[in-house]
PDB file of all heavy atoms in Angstrom:
ATOM      1  N   ASN A   1      12.654 131.222 -90.451  1.00  0.00           N
ATOM      2  CA  ASN A   1      13.009 130.022 -89.711  1.00  0.00           C
ATOM      3  C   ASN A   1      13.096 130.268 -88.202  1.00  0.00           C
ATOM      4  O   ASN A   1      12.839 129.357 -87.414  1.00  0.00           O
ATOM      5  CB  ASN A   1      14.341 129.452 -90.234  1.00  0.00           C
ATOM      6  CG  ASN A   1      14.643 128.080 -89.716  1.00  0.00           C
ATOM      7  OD1 ASN A   1      15.403 127.920 -88.779  1.00  0.00           O
ATOM      8  ND2 ASN A   1      14.028 127.072 -90.329  1.00  0.00           N
ATOM      9  N   GLY A   2      13.453 131.466 -87.804  1.00  0.00           N
ATOM     10  CA  GLY A   2      13.501 131.771 -86.376  1.00  0.00           C
ATOM     11  C   GLY A   2      12.126 131.842 -85.743  1.00  0.00           C
ATOM     12  O   GLY A   2      11.987 131.726 -84.513  1.00  0.00           O
ATOM     13  N   LEU A   3      11.101 132.056 -86.566  1.00  0.00           N
ATOM     14  CA  LEU A   3       9.733 132.195 -86.063  1.00  0.00           C
ATOM     15  C   LEU A   3       8.950 130.910 -86.306  1.00  0.00           C
ATOM     16  O   LEU A   3       8.004 130.866 -87.078  1.00  0.00           O
ATOM     17  CB  LEU A   3       9.047 133.395 -86.738  1.00  0.00           C
ATOM     18  CG  LEU A   3       9.638 134.760 -86.409  1.00  0.00           C
ATOM     19  CD1 LEU A   3       9.012 135.851 -87.265  1.00  0.00           C
ATOM     20  CD2 LEU A   3       9.495 135.086 -84.933  1.00  0.00           C
ATOM     21  N   VAL A   4       9.359 129.852 -85.621  1.00  0.00           N
ATOM     22  CA  VAL A   4       8.644 128.575 -85.626  1.00  0.00           C
ATOM     23  C   VAL A   4       8.161 128.328 -84.211  1.00  0.00           C
ATOM     24  O   VAL A   4       8.896 128.535 -83.246  1.00  0.00           O
ATOM     25  CB  VAL A   4       9.546 127.422 -86.125  1.00  0.00           C
ATOM     26  CG1 VAL A   4       8.813 126.093 -86.027  1.00  0.00           C
ATOM     27  CG2 VAL A   4       9.980 127.683 -87.564  1.00  0.00           C
ATOM     28  N   TYR A   5       6.922 127.865 -84.079  1.00  0.00           N
ATOM     29  CA  TYR A   5       6.273 127.841 -82.777  1.00  0.00           C
ATOM     30  C   TYR A   5       6.133 126.446 -82.171  1.00  0.00           C
ATOM     31  O   TYR A   5       5.879 126.315 -80.982  1.00  0.00           O
ATOM     32  CB  TYR A   5       4.903 128.511 -82.881  1.00  0.00           C
ATOM     33  CG  TYR A   5       5.014 129.872 -83.506  1.00  0.00           C
ATOM     34  CD1 TYR A   5       4.359 130.182 -84.704  1.00  0.00           C
ATOM     35  CD2 TYR A   5       5.817 130.854 -82.945  1.00  0.00           C
ATOM     36  CE1 TYR A   5       4.489 131.425 -85.286  1.00  0.00           C
ATOM     37  CE2 TYR A   5       5.957 132.109 -83.511  1.00  0.00           C
ATOM     38  CZ  TYR A   5       5.292 132.385 -84.690  1.00  0.00           C
ATOM     39  OH  TYR A   5       5.437 133.615 -85.276  1.00  0.00           O
ATOM     40  N   GLU A   6       6.278 125.419 -82.983  1.00  0.00           N
ATOM     41  CA  GLU A   6       6.268 124.070 -82.448  1.00  0.00           C
ATOM     42  C   GLU A   6       6.873 123.127 -83.485  1.00  0.00           C
ATOM     43  O   GLU A   6       7.048 123.478 -84.629  1.00  0.00           O
ATOM     44  CB  GLU A   6       4.869 123.588 -82.086  1.00  0.00           C
ATOM     45  CG  GLU A   6       3.857 123.571 -83.226  1.00  0.00           C
ATOM     46  CD  GLU A   6       2.932 124.760 -83.168  1.00  0.00           C
ATOM     47  OE1 GLU A   6       2.574 125.176 -82.069  1.00  0.00           O
ATOM     48  OE2 GLU A   6       2.590 125.272 -84.238  1.00  0.00           O
ATOM     49  N   GLY A   7       7.227 121.923 -83.043  1.00  0.00           N
ATOM     50  CA  GLY A   7       7.789 120.945 -83.942  1.00  0.00           C
ATOM     51  C   GLY A   7       9.302 120.973 -83.956  1.00  0.00           C
ATOM     52  O   GLY A   7       9.948 121.698 -83.193  1.00  0.00           O
ATOM     53  N   ASP A   8       9.859 120.188 -84.828  1.00  0.00           N
ATOM     54  CA  ASP A   8      11.300 120.027 -84.960  1.00  0.00           C
ATOM     55  C   ASP A   8      11.855 121.176 -85.789  1.00  0.00           C
ATOM     56  O   ASP A   8      11.707 121.209 -87.019  1.00  0.00           O
ATOM     57  CB  ASP A   8      11.629 118.681 -85.610  1.00  0.00           C
ATOM     58  CG  ASP A   8      13.124 118.466 -85.818  1.00  0.00           C
ATOM     59  OD1 ASP A   8      13.903 119.119 -85.093  1.00  0.00           O
ATOM     60  OD2 ASP A   8      13.494 117.651 -86.682  1.00  0.00           O
ATOM     61  N   VAL A   9      12.477 122.148 -85.140  1.00  0.00           N
ATOM     62  CA  VAL A   9      13.023 123.305 -85.840  1.00  0.00           C
ATOM     63  C   VAL A   9      14.439 122.987 -86.296  1.00  0.00           C
ATOM     64  O   VAL A   9      15.316 122.712 -85.477  1.00  0.00           O
ATOM     65  CB  VAL A   9      13.026 124.553 -84.941  1.00  0.00           C
ATOM     66  CG1 VAL A   9      13.532 125.758 -85.728  1.00  0.00           C
ATOM     67  CG2 VAL A   9      11.637 124.815 -84.392  1.00  0.00           C
ATOM     68  N   THR A  10      14.651 123.014 -87.589  1.00  0.00           N
ATOM     69  CA  THR A  10      15.980 122.715 -88.107  1.00  0.00           C
ATOM     70  C   THR A  10      16.242 123.598 -89.307  1.00  0.00           C
ATOM     71  O   THR A  10      15.453 124.468 -89.666  1.00  0.00           O
ATOM     72  CB  THR A  10      16.112 121.221 -88.468  1.00  0.00           C
ATOM     73  OG1 THR A  10      17.495 120.928 -88.746  1.00  0.00           O
ATOM     74  CG2 THR A  10      15.253 120.860 -89.668  1.00  0.00           C
ATOM     75  N   THR A  11      17.357 123.391 -89.943  1.00  0.00           N
ATOM     76  CA  THR A  11      17.726 124.086 -91.171  1.00  0.00           C
ATOM     77  C   THR A  11      18.036 123.047 -92.238  1.00  0.00           C
ATOM     78  O   THR A  11      18.468 121.933 -91.929  1.00  0.00           O
ATOM     79  CB  THR A  11      18.945 125.004 -90.951  1.00  0.00           C
ATOM     80  OG1 THR A  11      19.439 125.472 -92.225  1.00  0.00           O
ATOM     81  CG2 THR A  11      20.074 124.256 -90.242  1.00  0.00           C
ATOM     82  N   ALA A  12      17.832 123.420 -93.480  1.00  0.00           N
ATOM     83  CA  ALA A  12      18.165 122.502 -94.575  1.00  0.00           C
ATOM     84  C   ALA A  12      19.638 122.138 -94.559  1.00  0.00           C
ATOM     85  O   ALA A  12      20.032 121.088 -95.087  1.00  0.00           O
ATOM     86  CB  ALA A  12      17.790 123.145 -95.905  1.00  0.00           C
ATOM     87  N   LEU A  13      20.472 122.971 -93.954  1.00  0.00           N
ATOM     88  CA  LEU A  13      21.904 122.680 -93.883  1.00  0.00           C
ATOM     89  C   LEU A  13      22.215 121.496 -92.984  1.00  0.00           C
ATOM     90  O   LEU A  13      23.308 120.939 -93.033  1.00  0.00           O
ATOM     91  CB  LEU A  13      22.661 123.915 -93.396  1.00  0.00           C
ATOM     92  CG  LEU A  13      22.593 125.129 -94.347  1.00  0.00           C
ATOM     93  CD1 LEU A  13      23.116 126.370 -93.659  1.00  0.00           C
ATOM     94  CD2 LEU A  13      23.362 124.844 -95.634  1.00  0.00           C
ATOM     95  N   ALA A  14      21.240 121.111 -92.140  1.00  0.00           N
ATOM     96  CA  ALA A  14      21.399 119.894 -91.342  1.00  0.00           C
ATOM     97  C   ALA A  14      21.117 118.648 -92.170  1.00  0.00           C
ATOM     98  O   ALA A  14      21.393 117.526 -91.718  1.00  0.00           O
ATOM     99  CB  ALA A  14      20.456 119.936 -90.145  1.00  0.00           C
ATOM    100  N   ILE A  15      20.571 118.848 -93.365  1.00  0.00           N
ATOM    101  CA  ILE A  15      20.172 117.733 -94.226  1.00  0.00           C
ATOM    102  C   ILE A  15      21.111 117.553 -95.399  1.00  0.00           C
ATOM    103  O   ILE A  15      21.442 116.436 -95.787  1.00  0.00           O
ATOM    104  CB  ILE A  15      18.724 117.961 -94.705  1.00  0.00           C
ATOM    105  CG1 ILE A  15      17.769 117.955 -93.509  1.00  0.00           C
ATOM    106  CG2 ILE A  15      18.311 116.920 -95.744  1.00  0.00           C
ATOM    107  CD1 ILE A  15      16.399 118.494 -93.817  1.00  0.00           C
ATOM    108  N   THR A  16      21.543 118.686 -95.966  1.00  0.00           N
ATOM    109  CA  THR A  16      22.401 118.623 -97.143  1.00  0.00           C
ATOM    110  C   THR A  16      23.347 119.812 -97.177  1.00  0.00           C
ATOM    111  O   THR A  16      22.967 120.935 -96.809  1.00  0.00           O
ATOM    112  CB  THR A  16      21.567 118.587 -98.438  1.00  0.00           C
ATOM    113  OG1 THR A  16      22.449 118.662 -99.572  1.00  0.00           O
ATOM    114  CG2 THR A  16      20.587 119.748 -98.496  1.00  0.00           C
ATOM    115  N   ASP A  17      24.568 119.582 -97.633  1.00  0.00           N
ATOM    116  CA  ASP A  17      25.529 120.662 -97.851  1.00  0.00           C
ATOM    117  C   ASP A  17      25.408 121.260 -99.252  1.00  0.00           C
ATOM    118  O   ASP A  17      26.108 122.219 -99.580  1.00  0.00           O
ATOM    119  CB  ASP A  17      26.962 120.146 -97.671  1.00  0.00           C
ATOM    120  CG  ASP A  17      27.318 119.912 -96.207  1.00  0.00           C
ATOM    121  OD1 ASP A  17      26.734 120.582 -95.356  1.00  0.00           O
ATOM    122  OD2 ASP A  17      28.168 119.045 -95.942  1.00  0.00           O
ATOM    123  N   GLU A  18      24.532 120.689-100.063  1.00  0.00           N
ATOM    124  CA  GLU A  18      24.433 121.100-101.452  1.00  0.00           C
ATOM    125  C   GLU A  18      23.382 122.182-101.698  1.00  0.00           C
ATOM    126  O   GLU A  18      23.267 122.699-102.807  1.00  0.00           O
ATOM    127  CB  GLU A  18      24.127 119.877-102.334  1.00  0.00           C
ATOM    128  CG  GLU A  18      25.213 118.826-102.330  1.00  0.00           C
ATOM    129  CD  GLU A  18      26.538 119.386-102.845  1.00  0.00           C
ATOM    130  OE1 GLU A  18      26.528 120.087-103.877  1.00  0.00           O
ATOM    131  OE2 GLU A  18      27.572 119.139-102.204  1.00  0.00           O
ATOM    132  N   ALA A  19      22.609 122.508-100.688  1.00  0.00           N
ATOM    133  CA  ALA A  19      21.550 123.506-100.850  1.00  0.00           C
ATOM    134  C   ALA A  19      22.105 124.926-100.762  1.00  0.00           C
ATOM    135  O   ALA A  19      23.119 125.185-100.117  1.00  0.00           O
ATOM    136  CB  ALA A  19      20.463 123.310 -99.808  1.00  0.00           C
ATOM    137  N   PHE A  20      21.404 125.840-101.419  1.00  0.00           N
ATOM    138  CA  PHE A  20      21.621 127.278-101.252  1.00  0.00           C
ATOM    139  C   PHE A  20      20.580 127.756-100.251  1.00  0.00           C
ATOM    140  O   PHE A  20      19.368 127.683-100.533  1.00  0.00           O
ATOM    141  CB  PHE A  20      21.431 128.006-102.582  1.00  0.00           C
ATOM    142  CG  PHE A  20      22.522 127.776-103.575  1.00  0.00           C
ATOM    143  CD1 PHE A  20      22.654 126.541-104.235  1.00  0.00           C
ATOM    144  CD2 PHE A  20      23.428 128.778-103.867  1.00  0.00           C
ATOM    145  CE1 PHE A  20      23.645 126.320-105.155  1.00  0.00           C
ATOM    146  CE2 PHE A  20      24.446 128.560-104.807  1.00  0.00           C
ATOM    147  CZ  PHE A  20      24.561 127.332-105.439  1.00  0.00           C
ATOM    148  N   VAL A  21      21.011 128.220 -99.099  1.00  0.00           N
ATOM    149  CA  VAL A  21      20.085 128.595 -98.036  1.00  0.00           C
ATOM    150  C   VAL A  21      20.112 130.111 -97.845  1.00  0.00           C
ATOM    151  O   VAL A  21      21.172 130.702 -97.644  1.00  0.00           O
ATOM    152  CB  VAL A  21      20.434 127.874 -96.718  1.00  0.00           C
ATOM    153  CG1 VAL A  21      19.569 128.388 -95.581  1.00  0.00           C
ATOM    154  CG2 VAL A  21      20.241 126.361 -96.887  1.00  0.00           C
ATOM    155  N   ILE A  22      18.922 130.692 -97.925  1.00  0.00           N
ATOM    156  CA  ILE A  22      18.764 132.147 -97.817  1.00  0.00           C
ATOM    157  C   ILE A  22      18.159 132.483 -96.461  1.00  0.00           C
ATOM    158  O   ILE A  22      17.192 131.834 -96.018  1.00  0.00           O
ATOM    159  CB  ILE A  22      17.848 132.677 -98.937  1.00  0.00           C
ATOM    160  CG1 ILE A  22      18.491 132.476-100.301  1.00  0.00           C
ATOM    161  CG2 ILE A  22      17.514 134.153 -98.738  1.00  0.00           C
ATOM    162  CD1 ILE A  22      17.964 131.304-101.073  1.00  0.00           C
ATOM    163  N   ASN A  23      18.704 133.496 -95.792  1.00  0.00           N
ATOM    164  CA  ASN A  23      18.127 133.949 -94.533  1.00  0.00           C
ATOM    165  C   ASN A  23      18.280 135.462 -94.427  1.00  0.00           C
ATOM    166  O   ASN A  23      18.896 136.091 -95.297  1.00  0.00           O
ATOM    167  CB  ASN A  23      18.775 133.229 -93.339  1.00  0.00           C
ATOM    168  CG  ASN A  23      17.805 133.054 -92.186  1.00  0.00           C
ATOM    169  OD1 ASN A  23      17.002 133.928 -91.886  1.00  0.00           O
ATOM    170  ND2 ASN A  23      17.868 131.905 -91.529  1.00  0.00           N
ATOM    171  N   SER A  24      17.733 136.012 -93.359  1.00  0.00           N
ATOM    172  CA  SER A  24      17.646 137.467 -93.254  1.00  0.00           C
ATOM    173  C   SER A  24      17.551 137.880 -91.792  1.00  0.00           C
ATOM    174  O   SER A  24      17.099 137.111 -90.948  1.00  0.00           O
ATOM    175  CB  SER A  24      16.413 137.958 -94.022  1.00  0.00           C
ATOM    176  OG  SER A  24      16.141 139.309 -93.749  1.00  0.00           O
ATOM    177  N   PHE A  25      17.934 139.101 -91.523  1.00  0.00           N
ATOM    178  CA  PHE A  25      17.759 139.682 -90.198  1.00  0.00           C
ATOM    179  C   PHE A  25      16.411 140.422 -90.100  1.00  0.00           C
ATOM    180  O   PHE A  25      16.096 141.008 -89.070  1.00  0.00           O
ATOM    181  CB  PHE A  25      18.910 140.635 -89.873  1.00  0.00           C
ATOM    182  CG  PHE A  25      20.205 139.915 -89.626  1.00  0.00           C
ATOM    183  CD1 PHE A  25      21.072 139.627 -90.670  1.00  0.00           C
ATOM    184  CD2 PHE A  25      20.538 139.501 -88.345  1.00  0.00           C
ATOM    185  CE1 PHE A  25      22.264 138.951 -90.442  1.00  0.00           C
ATOM    186  CE2 PHE A  25      21.725 138.833 -88.114  1.00  0.00           C
ATOM    187  CZ  PHE A  25      22.585 138.550 -89.149  1.00  0.00           C
ATOM    188  N   SER A  26      15.600 140.380 -91.143  1.00  0.00           N
ATOM    189  CA  SER A  26      14.388 141.184 -91.194  1.00  0.00           C
ATOM    190  C   SER A  26      13.287 140.692 -90.259  1.00  0.00           C
ATOM    191  O   SER A  26      12.680 141.505 -89.549  1.00  0.00           O
ATOM    192  CB  SER A  26      13.834 141.227 -92.622  1.00  0.00           C
ATOM    193  OG  SER A  26      14.668 141.984 -93.460  1.00  0.00           O
ATOM    194  N   LYS A  27      13.001 139.402 -90.246  1.00  0.00           N
ATOM    195  CA  LYS A  27      11.783 138.909 -89.605  1.00  0.00           C
ATOM    196  C   LYS A  27      12.003 138.510 -88.154  1.00  0.00           C
ATOM    197  O   LYS A  27      11.419 139.107 -87.245  1.00  0.00           O
ATOM    198  CB  LYS A  27      11.216 137.733 -90.410  1.00  0.00           C
ATOM    199  CG  LYS A  27      11.113 138.005 -91.911  1.00  0.00           C
ATOM    200  CD  LYS A  27      10.200 139.184 -92.241  1.00  0.00           C
ATOM    201  CE  LYS A  27      10.071 139.346 -93.758  1.00  0.00           C
ATOM    202  NZ  LYS A  27       9.159 140.421 -94.135  1.00  0.00           N
ATOM    203  N   TYR A  28      12.829 137.516 -87.897  1.00  0.00           N
ATOM    204  CA  TYR A  28      13.069 137.063 -86.521  1.00  0.00           C
ATOM    205  C   TYR A  28      13.724 138.160 -85.684  1.00  0.00           C
ATOM    206  O   TYR A  28      13.367 138.363 -84.514  1.00  0.00           O
ATOM    207  CB  TYR A  28      13.942 135.815 -86.551  1.00  0.00           C
ATOM    208  CG  TYR A  28      14.349 135.290 -85.192  1.00  0.00           C
ATOM    209  CD1 TYR A  28      13.400 134.880 -84.258  1.00  0.00           C
ATOM    210  CD2 TYR A  28      15.696 135.186 -84.859  1.00  0.00           C
ATOM    211  CE1 TYR A  28      13.774 134.406 -83.015  1.00  0.00           C
ATOM    212  CE2 TYR A  28      16.082 134.687 -83.614  1.00  0.00           C
ATOM    213  CZ  TYR A  28      15.123 134.301 -82.702  1.00  0.00           C
ATOM    214  OH  TYR A  28      15.500 133.805 -81.476  1.00  0.00           O
ATOM    215  N   PHE A  29      14.641 138.887 -86.286  1.00  0.00           N
ATOM    216  CA  PHE A  29      15.355 139.914 -85.553  1.00  0.00           C
ATOM    217  C   PHE A  29      14.662 141.284 -85.612  1.00  0.00           C
ATOM    218  O   PHE A  29      15.094 142.232 -84.962  1.00  0.00           O
ATOM    219  CB  PHE A  29      16.791 140.049 -86.090  1.00  0.00           C
ATOM    220  CG  PHE A  29      17.612 138.800 -85.926  1.00  0.00           C
ATOM    221  CD1 PHE A  29      17.741 137.897 -86.951  1.00  0.00           C
ATOM    222  CD2 PHE A  29      18.263 138.545 -84.737  1.00  0.00           C
ATOM    223  CE1 PHE A  29      18.505 136.747 -86.798  1.00  0.00           C
ATOM    224  CE2 PHE A  29      19.027 137.407 -84.567  1.00  0.00           C
ATOM    225  CZ  PHE A  29      19.147 136.492 -85.596  1.00  0.00           C
ATOM    226  N   GLY A  30      13.598 141.401 -86.422  1.00  0.00           N
ATOM    227  CA  GLY A  30      12.838 142.647 -86.489  1.00  0.00           C
ATOM    228  C   GLY A  30      13.629 143.807 -87.061  1.00  0.00           C
ATOM    229  O   GLY A  30      13.554 144.932 -86.582  1.00  0.00           O
ATOM    230  N   MET A  31      14.370 143.564 -88.146  1.00  0.00           N
ATOM    231  CA  MET A  31      15.261 144.584 -88.709  1.00  0.00           C
ATOM    232  C   MET A  31      14.996 144.766 -90.212  1.00  0.00           C
ATOM    233  O   MET A  31      15.920 144.767 -91.022  1.00  0.00           O
ATOM    234  CB  MET A  31      16.724 144.197 -88.462  1.00  0.00           C
ATOM    235  CG  MET A  31      17.098 144.189 -86.978  1.00  0.00           C
ATOM    236  SD  MET A  31      18.694 143.409 -86.639  1.00  0.00           S
ATOM    237  CE  MET A  31      19.794 144.344 -87.708  1.00  0.00           C
ATOM    238  N   THR A  32      13.739 144.938 -90.588  1.00  0.00           N
ATOM    239  CA  THR A  32      13.387 145.005 -92.002  1.00  0.00           C
ATOM    240  C   THR A  32      14.118 146.122 -92.755  1.00  0.00           C
ATOM    241  O   THR A  32      14.688 145.922 -93.816  1.00  0.00           O
ATOM    242  CB  THR A  32      11.868 145.162 -92.176  1.00  0.00           C
ATOM    243  OG1 THR A  32      11.437 146.246 -91.348  1.00  0.00           O
ATOM    244  CG2 THR A  32      11.141 143.902 -91.760  1.00  0.00           C
ATOM    245  N   GLY A  33      14.070 147.327 -92.213  1.00  0.00           N
ATOM    246  CA  GLY A  33      14.642 148.470 -92.909  1.00  0.00           C
ATOM    247  C   GLY A  33      16.148 148.490 -92.988  1.00  0.00           C
ATOM    248  O   GLY A  33      16.723 149.289 -93.751  1.00  0.00           O
ATOM    249  N   TRP A  34      16.808 147.636 -92.254  1.00  0.00           N
ATOM    250  CA  TRP A  34      18.273 147.596 -92.300  1.00  0.00           C
ATOM    251  C   TRP A  34      18.773 146.911 -93.559  1.00  0.00           C
ATOM    252  O   TRP A  34      19.939 147.080 -93.923  1.00  0.00           O
ATOM    253  CB  TRP A  34      18.807 146.863 -91.066  1.00  0.00           C
ATOM    254  CG  TRP A  34      18.541 147.589 -89.790  1.00  0.00           C
ATOM    255  CD1 TRP A  34      17.439 147.469 -88.988  1.00  0.00           C
ATOM    256  CD2 TRP A  34      19.385 148.562 -89.164  1.00  0.00           C
ATOM    257  NE1 TRP A  34      17.541 148.302 -87.900  1.00  0.00           N
ATOM    258  CE2 TRP A  34      18.735 148.986 -87.998  1.00  0.00           C
ATOM    259  CE3 TRP A  34      20.633 149.094 -89.483  1.00  0.00           C
ATOM    260  CZ2 TRP A  34      19.290 149.940 -87.131  1.00  0.00           C
ATOM    261  CZ3 TRP A  34      21.185 150.045 -88.638  1.00  0.00           C
ATOM    262  CH2 TRP A  34      20.514 150.464 -87.485  1.00  0.00           C
TER     263      TRP A  34
END
């Protein structure tokens, strides 16, 4: 989600509190091995 290049960048949590949202420090933060 941090690596979006155009358009309306949002999170599913802005739409619903009922979702399970998964994220990581691997891609946008460049910390795969951590």
